[in-house]
Amino acid sequence: MALRDLLGEAASAETRMNALAAISIVSIDGAVVPPPNSRLELDALLDRLEAEGVFDVFTRYMAEFAGPAAGDAQARETALKNG
């Protein structure tokens, strides 16, 4: 709910997903990144991450929570054919 309050109810799904990635960051290049407390801080963090950084966060989510085969399209296709 705090994230919704920070973004506003009219925020797009893409904006919400990017914000979720940004608030998950604890450090960048070894430097501690405090969680954003305002929309301005969130926007600054998103600018710092850029699209590549957001992609990296979600790639890490996939590796941690969905297993190693989740990011491998060939392994998914094989599993579907065999399953």
Protein backbone atom coordinates (compact mmCIF):
# COMPACT_ATOMS: atom_id res chain seq x y z
CA MET A 1 0.00 0.00 0.00
CA ALA A 2 2.88 2.33 0.71
CA LEU A 3 4.11 1.83 -2.84
CA ARG A 4 0.67 2.67 -4.22
CA ASP A 5 0.59 5.78 -2.05
CA LEU A 6 4.03 6.75 -3.31
CA LEU A 7 3.10 6.25 -6.97
CA GLY A 8 -0.52 7.29 -6.93
CA GLU A 9 -3.47 5.16 -7.97
CA ALA A 10 -3.22 6.16 -11.64
CA ALA A 11 0.29 4.67 -12.08
CA SER A 12 0.62 2.24 -14.96
CA ALA A 13 1.46 -1.43 -14.44
CA GLU A 14 4.91 -0.83 -15.94
CA THR A 15 5.57 2.01 -13.51
CA ARG A 16 4.49 -0.18 -10.59
CA MET A 17 6.73 -3.06 -11.70
CA ASN A 18 9.70 -0.73 -12.16
CA ALA A 19 9.07 0.76 -8.72
CA LEU A 20 8.92 -2.73 -7.22
CA ALA A 21 12.34 -3.43 -8.71
CA ALA A 22 13.71 -0.13 -7.42
CA ILE A 23 12.55 -0.64 -3.84
CA SER A 24 14.15 -4.10 -3.89
CA ILE A 25 17.62 -2.64 -4.39
CA VAL A 26 19.85 -2.62 -1.32
CA SER A 27 23.12 -1.62 -2.99
CA ILE A 28 24.54 -0.50 -6.31
CA ASP A 29 28.21 -1.21 -7.03
CA GLY A 30 28.75 -1.88 -3.32
CA ALA A 31 27.21 1.42 -2.17
CA VAL A 32 24.21 1.08 0.15
CA VAL A 33 20.99 2.42 -1.35
CA PRO A 34 18.38 3.47 1.22
CA PRO A 35 14.74 2.83 0.33
CA PRO A 36 13.04 5.81 -1.29
CA ASN A 37 10.75 7.84 0.98
CA SER A 38 9.24 10.10 -1.65
CA ARG A 39 8.24 10.01 -5.28
CA LEU A 40 11.21 12.25 -6.08
CA GLU A 41 13.64 9.77 -4.45
CA LEU A 42 11.95 6.86 -6.26
CA ASP A 43 12.22 8.64 -9.61
CA ALA A 44 15.90 9.41 -8.94
CA LEU A 45 16.58 5.76 -8.12
CA LEU A 46 14.78 4.61 -11.28
CA ASP A 47 16.85 7.07 -13.31
CA ARG A 48 19.98 5.66 -11.70
CA LEU A 49 18.96 2.06 -12.43
CA GLU A 50 17.82 2.66 -15.99
CA ALA A 51 16.08 -0.12 -17.91
CA GLU A 52 19.12 -2.40 -17.67
CA GLY A 53 19.17 -2.25 -13.87
CA VAL A 54 15.45 -2.99 -13.63
CA PHE A 55 15.94 -5.94 -15.99
CA ASP A 56 18.80 -7.19 -13.80
CA VAL A 57 16.56 -7.11 -10.72
CA PHE A 58 13.86 -9.18 -12.40
CA THR A 59 16.45 -11.59 -13.81
CA ARG A 60 17.65 -12.10 -10.25
CA TYR A 61 14.05 -12.62 -9.07
CA MET A 62 13.63 -15.34 -11.69
CA ALA A 63 16.85 -17.08 -10.68
CA GLU A 64 16.04 -16.94 -6.97
CA PHE A 65 12.33 -17.70 -6.94
CA ALA A 66 11.45 -19.53 -10.13
CA GLY A 67 14.48 -21.80 -10.42
CA PRO A 68 17.27 -21.92 -12.98
CA ALA A 69 15.12 -23.29 -15.81
CA ALA A 70 12.62 -20.43 -15.53
CA GLY A 71 14.80 -18.07 -17.56
CA ASP A 72 15.75 -20.73 -20.10
CA ALA A 73 13.20 -20.78 -22.92
CA GLN A 74 14.56 -24.04 -24.36
CA ALA A 75 14.28 -25.82 -20.99
CA ARG A 76 10.68 -24.56 -20.57
CA GLU A 77 9.74 -25.77 -24.03
CA THR A 78 11.27 -29.19 -23.38
CA ALA A 79 9.51 -29.44 -20.01
CA LEU A 80 6.17 -28.60 -21.63
CA LYS A 81 6.67 -31.23 -24.33
CA ASN A 82 7.64 -33.88 -21.80
CA GLY A 83 5.16 -32.90 -19.14
